[in-house]
């Protein structure tokens, strides 16, 4: 069975308490999106998925970024 790639998903993970260098739709990620779409692939870009923040925050839940994630989750409940 042959499987073809049809979709490229990019996860952009920003370090906690560090400046964001790029996000989806900016800089080199815009170039990457253009190149991927030009080749006929579906492109998806996700900035800071919550699942990853759970892992990053497990080391230090008191970091500002972690408190924001926890507050957003509380608002969703």
PDB file of N, CA and C in Angstrom:
ATOM      1  N   UNK A   1       0.840  -1.173   0.000  1.00  0.00           N
ATOM      2  CA  UNK A   1       0.000   0.000   0.000  1.00  0.00           C
ATOM      3  C   UNK A   1       0.888   1.240   0.000  1.00  0.00           C
ATOM      4  N   UNK A   2       0.613   2.143  -0.897  1.00  0.00           N
ATOM      5  CA  UNK A   2       1.370   3.384  -0.979  1.00  0.00           C
ATOM      6  C   UNK A   2       0.568   4.497  -0.331  1.00  0.00           C
ATOM      7  N   UNK A   3       1.223   5.246   0.536  1.00  0.00           N
ATOM      8  CA  UNK A   3       0.568   6.398   1.166  1.00  0.00           C
ATOM      9  C   UNK A   3       1.282   7.652   0.710  1.00  0.00           C
ATOM     10  N   UNK A   4       0.492   8.637   0.335  1.00  0.00           N
ATOM     11  CA  UNK A   4       1.048   9.902  -0.123  1.00  0.00           C
ATOM     12  C   UNK A   4       0.840  10.969   0.936  1.00  0.00           C
ATOM     13  N   UNK A   5       1.779  11.853   1.026  1.00  0.00           N
ATOM     14  CA  UNK A   5       1.653  12.991   1.928  1.00  0.00           C
ATOM     15  C   UNK A   5       0.708  13.994   1.282  1.00  0.00           C
ATOM     16  N   UNK A   6      -0.288  14.452   2.050  1.00  0.00           N
ATOM     17  CA  UNK A   6      -1.226  15.432   1.531  1.00  0.00           C
ATOM     18  C   UNK A   6      -1.283  16.682   2.405  1.00  0.00           C
ATOM     19  N   UNK A   7      -0.776  16.583   3.622  1.00  0.00           N
ATOM     20  CA  UNK A   7      -0.905  17.682   4.571  1.00  0.00           C
ATOM     21  C   UNK A   7       0.380  17.833   5.381  1.00  0.00           C
ATOM     22  N   UNK A   8       0.765  19.084   5.608  1.00  0.00           N
ATOM     23  CA  UNK A   8       1.911  19.387   6.455  1.00  0.00           C
ATOM     24  C   UNK A   8       1.413  20.252   7.611  1.00  0.00           C
ATOM     25  N   UNK A   9       1.646  19.786   8.830  1.00  0.00           N
ATOM     26  CA  UNK A   9       1.259  20.543  10.013  1.00  0.00           C
ATOM     27  C   UNK A   9       2.518  20.999  10.731  1.00  0.00           C
ATOM     28  N   UNK A  10       2.599  22.294  10.975  1.00  0.00           N
ATOM     29  CA  UNK A  10       3.747  22.891  11.661  1.00  0.00           C
ATOM     30  C   UNK A  10       3.295  23.315  13.054  1.00  0.00           C
ATOM     31  N   UNK A  11       4.028  22.889  14.060  1.00  0.00           N
ATOM     32  CA  UNK A  11       3.769  23.315  15.432  1.00  0.00           C
ATOM     33  C   UNK A  11       4.858  24.295  15.834  1.00  0.00           C
ATOM     34  N   UNK A  12       4.457  25.514  16.164  1.00  0.00           N
ATOM     35  CA  UNK A  12       5.402  26.542  16.592  1.00  0.00           C
ATOM     36  C   UNK A  12       5.321  26.612  18.113  1.00  0.00           C
ATOM     37  N   UNK A  13       6.431  26.304  18.754  1.00  0.00           N
ATOM     38  CA  UNK A  13       6.485  26.279  20.211  1.00  0.00           C
ATOM     39  C   UNK A  13       7.411  27.396  20.674  1.00  0.00           C
ATOM     40  N   UNK A  14       6.862  28.297  21.465  1.00  0.00           N
ATOM     41  CA  UNK A  14       7.672  29.383  22.010  1.00  0.00           C
ATOM     42  C   UNK A  14       8.129  29.010  23.418  1.00  0.00           C
ATOM     43  N   UNK A  15       9.373  29.322  23.712  1.00  0.00           N
ATOM     44  CA  UNK A  15       9.898  29.062  25.050  1.00  0.00           C
ATOM     45  C   UNK A  15       9.206  29.968  26.060  1.00  0.00           C
ATOM     46  N   UNK A  16       8.965  29.437  27.228  1.00  0.00           N
ATOM     47  CA  UNK A  16       8.339  30.225  28.283  1.00  0.00           C
ATOM     48  C   UNK A  16       9.264  31.362  28.692  1.00  0.00           C
ATOM     49  N   UNK A  17       8.701  32.523  28.849  1.00  0.00           N
ATOM     50  CA  UNK A  17       9.418  33.726  29.282  1.00  0.00           C
ATOM     51  C   UNK A  17      10.566  34.134  28.364  1.00  0.00           C
ATOM     52  N   UNK A  18      10.466  33.766  27.100  1.00  0.00           N
ATOM     53  CA  UNK A  18      11.437  34.185  26.087  1.00  0.00           C
ATOM     54  C   UNK A  18      10.672  34.942  25.005  1.00  0.00           C
ATOM     55  N   UNK A  19      11.325  35.874  24.331  1.00  0.00           N
ATOM     56  CA  UNK A  19      10.625  36.592  23.256  1.00  0.00           C
ATOM     57  C   UNK A  19      10.264  35.644  22.106  1.00  0.00           C
ATOM     58  N   UNK A  20       9.114  35.908  21.490  1.00  0.00           N
ATOM     59  CA  UNK A  20       8.690  35.116  20.333  1.00  0.00           C
ATOM     60  C   UNK A  20       9.423  35.644  19.107  1.00  0.00           C
ATOM     61  N   UNK A  21      10.161  34.781  18.458  1.00  0.00           N
ATOM     62  CA  UNK A  21      10.903  35.200  17.273  1.00  0.00           C
ATOM     63  C   UNK A  21      10.018  35.197  16.034  1.00  0.00           C
ATOM     64  N   UNK A  22       9.174  34.176  15.911  1.00  0.00           N
ATOM     65  CA  UNK A  22       8.236  34.091  14.792  1.00  0.00           C
ATOM     66  C   UNK A  22       7.005  33.344  15.255  1.00  0.00           C
ATOM     67  N   UNK A  23       5.916  33.598  14.580  1.00  0.00           N
ATOM     68  CA  UNK A  23       4.666  32.880  14.806  1.00  0.00           C
ATOM     69  C   UNK A  23       4.107  32.490  13.450  1.00  0.00           C
ATOM     70  N   UNK A  24       3.067  31.677  13.461  1.00  0.00           N
ATOM     71  CA  UNK A  24       2.434  31.274  12.206  1.00  0.00           C
ATOM     72  C   UNK A  24       2.097  32.515  11.380  1.00  0.00           C
ATOM     73  N   UNK A  25       2.370  32.450  10.079  1.00  0.00           N
ATOM     74  CA  UNK A  25       2.044  33.556   9.183  1.00  0.00           C
ATOM     75  C   UNK A  25       3.073  34.662   9.151  1.00  0.00           C
ATOM     76  N   UNK A  26       4.223  34.446   9.788  1.00  0.00           N
ATOM     77  CA  UNK A  26       5.269  35.470   9.825  1.00  0.00           C
ATOM     78  C   UNK A  26       6.595  34.913   9.306  1.00  0.00           C
ATOM     79  N   UNK A  27       7.410  35.809   8.790  1.00  0.00           N
ATOM     80  CA  UNK A  27       8.797  35.503   8.435  1.00  0.00           C
ATOM     81  C   UNK A  27       8.981  34.227   7.634  1.00  0.00           C
ATOM     82  N   UNK A  28       9.891  33.376   8.104  1.00  0.00           N
ATOM     83  CA  UNK A  28      10.223  32.158   7.370  1.00  0.00           C
ATOM     84  C   UNK A  28       9.054  31.180   7.324  1.00  0.00           C
ATOM     85  N   UNK A  29       8.127  31.281   8.275  1.00  0.00           N
ATOM     86  CA  UNK A  29       6.957  30.406   8.233  1.00  0.00           C
ATOM     87  C   UNK A  29       6.024  30.772   7.084  1.00  0.00           C
ATOM     88  N   UNK A  30       5.984  32.059   6.715  1.00  0.00           N
ATOM     89  CA  UNK A  30       5.213  32.461   5.535  1.00  0.00           C
ATOM     90  C   UNK A  30       5.828  31.881   4.271  1.00  0.00           C
ATOM     91  N   UNK A  31       7.146  31.911   4.208  1.00  0.00           N
ATOM     92  CA  UNK A  31       7.853  31.352   3.050  1.00  0.00           C
ATOM     93  C   UNK A  31       7.599  29.850   2.978  1.00  0.00           C
ATOM     94  N   UNK A  32       7.702  29.175   4.133  1.00  0.00           N
ATOM     95  CA  UNK A  32       7.458  27.733   4.184  1.00  0.00           C
ATOM     96  C   UNK A  32       6.035  27.413   3.720  1.00  0.00           C
ATOM     97  N   UNK A  33       5.054  28.172   4.214  1.00  0.00           N
ATOM     98  CA  UNK A  33       3.662  27.951   3.817  1.00  0.00           C
ATOM     99  C   UNK A  33       3.505  28.108   2.298  1.00  0.00           C
ATOM    100  N   UNK A  34       4.082  29.147   1.753  1.00  0.00           N
ATOM    101  CA  UNK A  34       3.998  29.381   0.303  1.00  0.00           C
ATOM    102  C   UNK A  34       4.586  28.201  -0.462  1.00  0.00           C
ATOM    103  N   UNK A  35       5.765  27.754  -0.048  1.00  0.00           N
ATOM    104  CA  UNK A  35       6.426  26.644  -0.746  1.00  0.00           C
ATOM    105  C   UNK A  35       5.605  25.354  -0.658  1.00  0.00           C
ATOM    106  N   UNK A  36       5.037  25.089   0.510  1.00  0.00           N
ATOM    107  CA  UNK A  36       4.257  23.862   0.698  1.00  0.00           C
ATOM    108  C   UNK A  36       2.984  23.908  -0.146  1.00  0.00           C
ATOM    109  N   UNK A  37       2.287  25.043  -0.106  1.00  0.00           N
ATOM    110  CA  UNK A  37       1.045  25.169  -0.889  1.00  0.00           C
ATOM    111  C   UNK A  37       1.330  25.108  -2.395  1.00  0.00           C
ATOM    112  N   UNK A  38       2.454  25.677  -2.809  1.00  0.00           N
ATOM    113  CA  UNK A  38       2.833  25.663  -4.226  1.00  0.00           C
ATOM    114  C   UNK A  38       3.023  24.228  -4.727  1.00  0.00           C
ATOM    115  N   UNK A  39       3.441  23.349  -3.837  1.00  0.00           N
ATOM    116  CA  UNK A  39       3.641  21.942  -4.210  1.00  0.00           C
ATOM    117  C   UNK A  39       2.345  21.134  -4.108  1.00  0.00           C
ATOM    118  N   UNK A  40       1.248  21.816  -3.729  1.00  0.00           N
ATOM    119  CA  UNK A  40      -0.047  21.155  -3.716  1.00  0.00           C
ATOM    120  C   UNK A  40      -0.442  20.498  -2.407  1.00  0.00           C
ATOM    121  N   UNK A  41       0.292  20.769  -1.357  1.00  0.00           N
ATOM    122  CA  UNK A  41      -0.030  20.194  -0.053  1.00  0.00           C
ATOM    123  C   UNK A  41      -0.934  21.129   0.738  1.00  0.00           C
ATOM    124  N   UNK A  42      -1.737  20.550   1.607  1.00  0.00           N
ATOM    125  CA  UNK A  42      -2.515  21.330   2.555  1.00  0.00           C
ATOM    126  C   UNK A  42      -1.577  21.727   3.682  1.00  0.00           C
ATOM    127  N   UNK A  43      -1.635  22.979   4.122  1.00  0.00           N
ATOM    128  CA  UNK A  43      -0.733  23.506   5.148  1.00  0.00           C
ATOM    129  C   UNK A  43      -1.544  23.958   6.353  1.00  0.00           C
ATOM    130  N   UNK A  44      -1.059  23.583   7.522  1.00  0.00           N
ATOM    131  CA  UNK A  44      -1.677  24.023   8.771  1.00  0.00           C
ATOM    132  C   UNK A  44      -0.550  24.429   9.721  1.00  0.00           C
ATOM    133  N   UNK A  45      -0.735  25.537  10.394  1.00  0.00           N
ATOM    134  CA  UNK A  45       0.266  26.009  11.347  1.00  0.00           C
ATOM    135  C   UNK A  45      -0.433  26.279  12.675  1.00  0.00           C
ATOM    136  N   UNK A  46       0.137  25.766  13.756  1.00  0.00           N
ATOM    137  CA  UNK A  46      -0.462  25.910  15.075  1.00  0.00           C
ATOM    138  C   UNK A  46       0.565  26.536  16.007  1.00  0.00           C
ATOM    139  N   UNK A  47       0.207  27.705  16.543  1.00  0.00           N
ATOM    140  CA  UNK A  47       1.055  28.377  17.521  1.00  0.00           C
ATOM    141  C   UNK A  47       0.756  27.849  18.918  1.00  0.00           C
ATOM    142  N   UNK A  48       1.773  27.447  19.619  1.00  0.00           N
ATOM    143  CA  UNK A  48       1.691  27.097  21.036  1.00  0.00           C
ATOM    144  C   UNK A  48       0.484  26.240  21.410  1.00  0.00           C
ATOM    145  N   UNK A  49       0.435  25.005  20.919  1.00  0.00           N
ATOM    146  CA  UNK A  49      -0.689  24.150  21.298  1.00  0.00           C
ATOM    147  C   UNK A  49      -0.694  23.897  22.814  1.00  0.00           C
ATOM    148  N   UNK A  50      -1.873  23.903  23.397  1.00  0.00           N
ATOM    149  CA  UNK A  50      -1.991  23.740  24.845  1.00  0.00           C
ATOM    150  C   UNK A  50      -1.344  22.454  25.353  1.00  0.00           C
ATOM    151  N   UNK A  51      -1.405  21.388  24.559  1.00  0.00           N
ATOM    152  CA  UNK A  51      -0.819  20.119  24.992  1.00  0.00           C
ATOM    153  C   UNK A  51       0.669  20.261  25.276  1.00  0.00           C
ATOM    154  N   UNK A  52       1.345  21.058  24.497  1.00  0.00           N
ATOM    155  CA  UNK A  52       2.784  21.260  24.697  1.00  0.00           C
ATOM    156  C   UNK A  52       3.024  22.135  25.914  1.00  0.00           C
ATOM    157  N   UNK A  53       2.178  23.141  26.106  1.00  0.00           N
ATOM    158  CA  UNK A  53       2.344  24.003  27.276  1.00  0.00           C
ATOM    159  C   UNK A  53       2.180  23.226  28.576  1.00  0.00           C
ATOM    160  N   UNK A  54       1.336  22.222  28.566  1.00  0.00           N
ATOM    161  CA  UNK A  54       1.196  21.388  29.763  1.00  0.00           C
ATOM    162  C   UNK A  54       2.537  20.745  30.107  1.00  0.00           C
ATOM    163  N   UNK A  55       3.230  20.287  29.102  1.00  0.00           N
ATOM    164  CA  UNK A  55       4.545  19.683  29.343  1.00  0.00           C
ATOM    165  C   UNK A  55       5.556  20.727  29.811  1.00  0.00           C
ATOM    166  N   UNK A  56       5.585  21.868  29.140  1.00  0.00           N
ATOM    167  CA  UNK A  56       6.531  22.919  29.527  1.00  0.00           C
ATOM    168  C   UNK A  56       6.244  23.428  30.934  1.00  0.00           C
ATOM    169  N   UNK A  57       4.976  23.540  31.282  1.00  0.00           N
ATOM    170  CA  UNK A  57       4.591  24.095  32.580  1.00  0.00           C
ATOM    171  C   UNK A  57       4.729  23.083  33.714  1.00  0.00           C
ATOM    172  N   UNK A  58       4.877  21.826  33.383  1.00  0.00           N
ATOM    173  CA  UNK A  58       5.022  20.836  34.450  1.00  0.00           C
ATOM    174  C   UNK A  58       6.305  21.066  35.251  1.00  0.00           C
ATOM    175  N   UNK A  59       7.289  21.706  34.636  1.00  0.00           N
ATOM    176  CA  UNK A  59       8.545  21.994  35.331  1.00  0.00           C
ATOM    177  C   UNK A  59       8.429  23.226  36.227  1.00  0.00           C
ATOM    178  N   UNK A  60       7.603  24.197  35.832  1.00  0.00           N
ATOM    179  CA  UNK A  60       7.470  25.424  36.624  1.00  0.00           C
ATOM    180  C   UNK A  60       6.120  26.070  36.336  1.00  0.00           C
ATOM    181  N   UNK A  61       5.129  25.705  37.109  1.00  0.00           N
ATOM    182  CA  UNK A  61       3.770  26.190  36.890  1.00  0.00           C
ATOM    183  C   UNK A  61       3.588  27.654  37.258  1.00  0.00           C
ATOM    184  N   UNK A  62       4.580  28.267  37.892  1.00  0.00           N
ATOM    185  CA  UNK A  62       4.463  29.664  38.325  1.00  0.00           C
ATOM    186  C   UNK A  62       4.921  30.668  37.263  1.00  0.00           C
ATOM    187  N   UNK A  63       5.439  30.193  36.169  1.00  0.00           N
ATOM    188  CA  UNK A  63       5.860  31.073  35.079  1.00  0.00           C
ATOM    189  C   UNK A  63       4.624  31.784  34.533  1.00  0.00           C
ATOM    190  N   UNK A  64       4.755  33.058  34.181  1.00  0.00           N
ATOM    191  CA  UNK A  64       3.618  33.853  33.704  1.00  0.00           C
ATOM    192  C   UNK A  64       2.836  33.150  32.602  1.00  0.00           C
ATOM    193  N   UNK A  65       3.522  32.626  31.616  1.00  0.00           N
ATOM    194  CA  UNK A  65       2.854  31.951  30.508  1.00  0.00           C
ATOM    195  C   UNK A  65       2.029  30.762  30.961  1.00  0.00           C
ATOM    196  N   UNK A  66       2.476  30.088  31.991  1.00  0.00           N
ATOM    197  CA  UNK A  66       1.736  28.934  32.509  1.00  0.00           C
ATOM    198  C   UNK A  66       0.478  29.379  33.233  1.00  0.00           C
ATOM    199  N   UNK A  67       0.562  30.450  33.949  1.00  0.00           N
ATOM    200  CA  UNK A  67      -0.625  30.955  34.645  1.00  0.00           C
ATOM    201  C   UNK A  67      -1.696  31.355  33.637  1.00  0.00           C
ATOM    202  N   UNK A  68      -1.291  31.948  32.525  1.00  0.00           N
ATOM    203  CA  UNK A  68      -2.255  32.328  31.487  1.00  0.00           C
ATOM    204  C   UNK A  68      -2.929  31.101  30.887  1.00  0.00           C
ATOM    205  N   UNK A  69      -2.160  30.052  30.661  1.00  0.00           N
ATOM    206  CA  UNK A  69      -2.716  28.818  30.099  1.00  0.00           C
ATOM    207  C   UNK A  69      -3.731  28.239  31.068  1.00  0.00           C
ATOM    208  N   UNK A  70      -3.407  28.208  32.338  1.00  0.00           N
ATOM    209  CA  UNK A  70      -4.318  27.655  33.339  1.00  0.00           C
ATOM    210  C   UNK A  70      -5.597  28.488  33.436  1.00  0.00           C
ATOM    211  N   UNK A  71      -5.479  29.807  33.340  1.00  0.00           N
ATOM    212  CA  UNK A  71      -6.658  30.677  33.386  1.00  0.00           C
ATOM    213  C   UNK A  71      -7.560  30.446  32.173  1.00  0.00           C
ATOM    214  N   UNK A  72      -6.952  30.272  30.980  1.00  0.00           N
ATOM    215  CA  UNK A  72      -7.734  30.019  29.778  1.00  0.00           C
ATOM    216  C   UNK A  72      -8.492  28.710  29.901  1.00  0.00           C
ATOM    217  N   UNK A  73      -7.864  27.693  30.471  1.00  0.00           N
ATOM    218  CA  UNK A  73      -8.535  26.412  30.650  1.00  0.00           C
ATOM    219  C   UNK A  73      -9.692  26.535  31.617  1.00  0.00           C
ATOM    220  N   UNK A  74      -9.509  27.294  32.680  1.00  0.00           N
ATOM    221  CA  UNK A  74     -10.577  27.494  33.652  1.00  0.00           C
ATOM    222  C   UNK A  74     -11.766  28.199  33.003  1.00  0.00           C
ATOM    223  N   UNK A  75     -11.497  29.145  32.099  1.00  0.00           N
ATOM    224  CA  UNK A  75     -12.566  29.868  31.408  1.00  0.00           C
ATOM    225  C   UNK A  75     -13.364  28.950  30.492  1.00  0.00           C
ATOM    226  N   UNK A  76     -12.707  27.911  29.939  1.00  0.00           N
ATOM    227  CA  UNK A  76     -13.375  26.983  29.026  1.00  0.00           C
ATOM    228  C   UNK A  76     -14.299  26.037  29.757  1.00  0.00           C
ATOM    229  N   UNK A  77     -14.069  25.778  31.029  1.00  0.00           N
ATOM    230  CA  UNK A  77     -14.897  24.822  31.803  1.00  0.00           C
ATOM    231  C   UNK A  77     -16.249  25.356  32.135  1.00  0.00           C
TER     232      UNK A  77
END
